[in-house]
Amino acid sequence: METYSCKKCGMSVNAQCGKCDVALVNGHISLEDGTQVQVSKCPSCEGKIKSPLCCGEDMSCAA
């Protein structure tokens, strides 16, 4: 099952941590101005990346 998918075009990706080899999970971080940014994070090592984009929007998490 895909980790992230695009609601507009149906493109999907599987994302996993290269260090821990586990699937990334959806999350958010809060910026200083209060804005929340969607991220993908590793549940094992807590590493984070900006969530994937497709069609100009964040892809949604399957979980």
N, C-alpha and C. Protein backbone atom coordinates (compact mmCIF):
# COMPACT_ATOMS: atom_id res chain seq x y z
N MET A 1 0.85 -1.19 0.00
CA MET A 1 0.00 0.00 0.00
C MET A 1 0.88 1.24 0.00
N GLU A 2 0.50 2.24 -0.77
CA GLU A 2 1.30 3.45 -0.86
C GLU A 2 1.27 4.24 0.45
N THR A 3 2.35 4.98 0.70
CA THR A 3 2.44 5.82 1.89
C THR A 3 1.71 7.15 1.66
N TYR A 4 1.92 7.76 0.50
CA TYR A 4 1.32 9.05 0.17
C TYR A 4 0.67 8.97 -1.21
N SER A 5 -0.44 9.69 -1.39
CA SER A 5 -1.09 9.71 -2.70
C SER A 5 -1.62 11.12 -2.98
N CYS A 6 -1.73 11.42 -4.28
CA CYS A 6 -2.23 12.72 -4.73
C CYS A 6 -3.73 12.60 -4.97
N LYS A 7 -4.49 13.49 -4.36
CA LYS A 7 -5.94 13.48 -4.53
C LYS A 7 -6.37 13.93 -5.92
N LYS A 8 -5.49 14.70 -6.62
CA LYS A 8 -5.86 15.22 -7.94
C LYS A 8 -5.61 14.23 -9.07
N CYS A 9 -4.41 13.64 -9.10
CA CYS A 9 -4.06 12.80 -10.26
C CYS A 9 -3.89 11.33 -9.93
N GLY A 10 -3.86 10.98 -8.65
CA GLY A 10 -3.74 9.57 -8.27
C GLY A 10 -2.31 9.06 -8.14
N MET A 11 -1.31 9.91 -8.42
CA MET A 11 0.09 9.50 -8.26
C MET A 11 0.29 9.06 -6.81
N SER A 12 1.09 8.02 -6.59
CA SER A 12 1.36 7.58 -5.23
C SER A 12 2.83 7.24 -5.06
N VAL A 13 3.31 7.33 -3.82
CA VAL A 13 4.70 7.01 -3.50
C VAL A 13 4.76 6.23 -2.19
N ASN A 14 5.80 5.42 -2.07
CA ASN A 14 6.12 4.77 -0.82
C ASN A 14 7.34 5.49 -0.26
N ALA A 15 7.27 5.92 0.98
CA ALA A 15 8.38 6.65 1.59
C ALA A 15 8.84 5.92 2.84
N GLN A 16 10.15 5.65 2.89
CA GLN A 16 10.67 5.02 4.08
C GLN A 16 12.03 5.62 4.43
N CYS A 17 12.40 5.51 5.69
CA CYS A 17 13.65 6.06 6.20
C CYS A 17 14.82 5.23 5.66
N GLY A 18 15.78 5.89 5.07
CA GLY A 18 16.96 5.19 4.56
C GLY A 18 17.85 4.69 5.68
N LYS A 19 17.79 5.32 6.85
CA LYS A 19 18.60 4.93 7.99
C LYS A 19 18.00 3.72 8.72
N CYS A 20 16.68 3.76 8.96
CA CYS A 20 16.00 2.74 9.78
C CYS A 20 15.23 1.71 8.96
N ASP A 21 15.00 1.98 7.67
CA ASP A 21 14.26 1.10 6.77
C ASP A 21 12.83 0.84 7.26
N VAL A 22 12.19 1.88 7.81
CA VAL A 22 10.78 1.78 8.22
C VAL A 22 9.99 2.85 7.48
N ALA A 23 8.70 2.61 7.29
CA ALA A 23 7.84 3.56 6.59
C ALA A 23 7.73 4.87 7.35
N LEU A 24 7.78 5.98 6.62
CA LEU A 24 7.58 7.29 7.23
C LEU A 24 6.11 7.50 7.55
N VAL A 25 5.85 8.29 8.58
CA VAL A 25 4.47 8.59 8.97
C VAL A 25 4.22 10.08 8.81
N ASN A 26 2.96 10.42 8.64
CA ASN A 26 2.57 11.82 8.47
C ASN A 26 2.70 12.56 9.79
N GLY A 27 3.09 13.81 9.73
CA GLY A 27 3.18 14.65 10.92
C GLY A 27 3.16 16.11 10.55
N HIS A 28 3.26 16.96 11.54
CA HIS A 28 3.29 18.41 11.34
C HIS A 28 4.32 19.03 12.27
N ILE A 29 4.92 20.13 11.83
CA ILE A 29 5.76 20.93 12.71
C ILE A 29 5.18 22.34 12.72
N SER A 30 5.35 23.04 13.83
CA SER A 30 4.86 24.41 13.96
C SER A 30 6.02 25.38 13.80
N LEU A 31 5.85 26.34 12.91
CA LEU A 31 6.85 27.39 12.72
C LEU A 31 6.67 28.46 13.78
N GLU A 32 7.65 29.34 13.91
CA GLU A 32 7.60 30.41 14.92
C GLU A 32 6.38 31.29 14.78
N ASP A 33 5.89 31.48 13.55
CA ASP A 33 4.72 32.34 13.34
C ASP A 33 3.40 31.61 13.56
N GLY A 34 3.47 30.34 14.00
CA GLY A 34 2.27 29.56 14.26
C GLY A 34 1.78 28.72 13.09
N THR A 35 2.37 28.92 11.92
CA THR A 35 2.00 28.15 10.75
C THR A 35 2.40 26.69 10.94
N GLN A 36 1.53 25.77 10.52
CA GLN A 36 1.87 24.35 10.59
C GLN A 36 2.26 23.86 9.20
N VAL A 37 3.33 23.06 9.14
CA VAL A 37 3.84 22.51 7.90
C VAL A 37 3.75 20.99 7.98
N GLN A 38 3.19 20.36 6.94
CA GLN A 38 3.11 18.91 6.88
C GLN A 38 4.49 18.33 6.62
N VAL A 39 4.88 17.31 7.38
CA VAL A 39 6.16 16.63 7.20
C VAL A 39 5.95 15.12 7.21
N SER A 40 6.93 14.41 6.74
CA SER A 40 6.99 12.96 6.86
C SER A 40 8.09 12.68 7.87
N LYS A 41 7.80 11.84 8.87
CA LYS A 41 8.82 11.59 9.89
C LYS A 41 8.98 10.10 10.14
N CYS A 42 10.17 9.75 10.59
CA CYS A 42 10.47 8.37 10.91
C CYS A 42 10.03 8.11 12.35
N PRO A 43 9.19 7.09 12.57
CA PRO A 43 8.75 6.80 13.93
C PRO A 43 9.86 6.20 14.80
N SER A 44 10.95 5.80 14.18
CA SER A 44 12.05 5.18 14.92
C SER A 44 13.10 6.21 15.35
N CYS A 45 13.67 6.94 14.38
CA CYS A 45 14.75 7.88 14.70
C CYS A 45 14.28 9.33 14.79
N GLU A 46 12.99 9.58 14.49
CA GLU A 46 12.40 10.92 14.55
C GLU A 46 12.94 11.89 13.50
N GLY A 47 13.66 11.39 12.47
CA GLY A 47 14.08 12.24 11.37
C GLY A 47 12.86 12.76 10.63
N LYS A 48 12.97 13.95 10.01
CA LYS A 48 11.82 14.56 9.34
C LYS A 48 12.25 15.12 7.98
N ILE A 49 11.33 15.03 7.01
CA ILE A 49 11.49 15.69 5.72
C ILE A 49 10.17 16.37 5.38
N LYS A 50 10.22 17.35 4.49
CA LYS A 50 8.99 17.95 3.99
C LYS A 50 8.22 16.89 3.24
N SER A 51 6.93 16.78 3.48
CA SER A 51 6.11 15.78 2.81
C SER A 51 6.15 15.98 1.30
N PRO A 52 5.98 14.90 0.54
CA PRO A 52 6.01 15.01 -0.92
C PRO A 52 4.88 15.87 -1.46
N LEU A 53 5.16 16.55 -2.58
CA LEU A 53 4.18 17.38 -3.27
C LEU A 53 3.85 16.77 -4.62
N CYS A 54 2.63 16.97 -5.07
CA CYS A 54 2.21 16.58 -6.42
C CYS A 54 1.08 17.54 -6.82
N CYS A 55 1.06 17.94 -8.05
CA CYS A 55 0.03 18.87 -8.56
C CYS A 55 -0.02 20.15 -7.71
N GLY A 56 1.12 20.53 -7.14
CA GLY A 56 1.20 21.77 -6.36
C GLY A 56 0.64 21.70 -4.96
N GLU A 57 0.32 20.49 -4.48
CA GLU A 57 -0.23 20.34 -3.13
C GLU A 57 0.48 19.20 -2.39
N ASP A 58 0.45 19.27 -1.05
CA ASP A 58 1.00 18.16 -0.26
C ASP A 58 0.20 16.91 -0.58
N MET A 59 0.91 15.79 -0.74
CA MET A 59 0.24 14.51 -0.96
C MET A 59 -0.35 14.06 0.38
N SER A 60 -1.47 13.37 0.34
CA SER A 60 -2.11 12.93 1.58
C SER A 60 -1.52 11.60 2.04
N CYS A 61 -1.54 11.42 3.36
CA CYS A 61 -1.00 10.21 3.96
C CYS A 61 -2.08 9.13 3.97
N ALA A 62 -1.68 7.90 3.66
CA ALA A 62 -2.63 6.79 3.62
C ALA A 62 -3.06 6.36 5.01
N ALA A 63 -2.27 6.63 6.02
CA ALA A 63 -2.59 6.19 7.39
C ALA A 63 -3.52 7.17 8.08
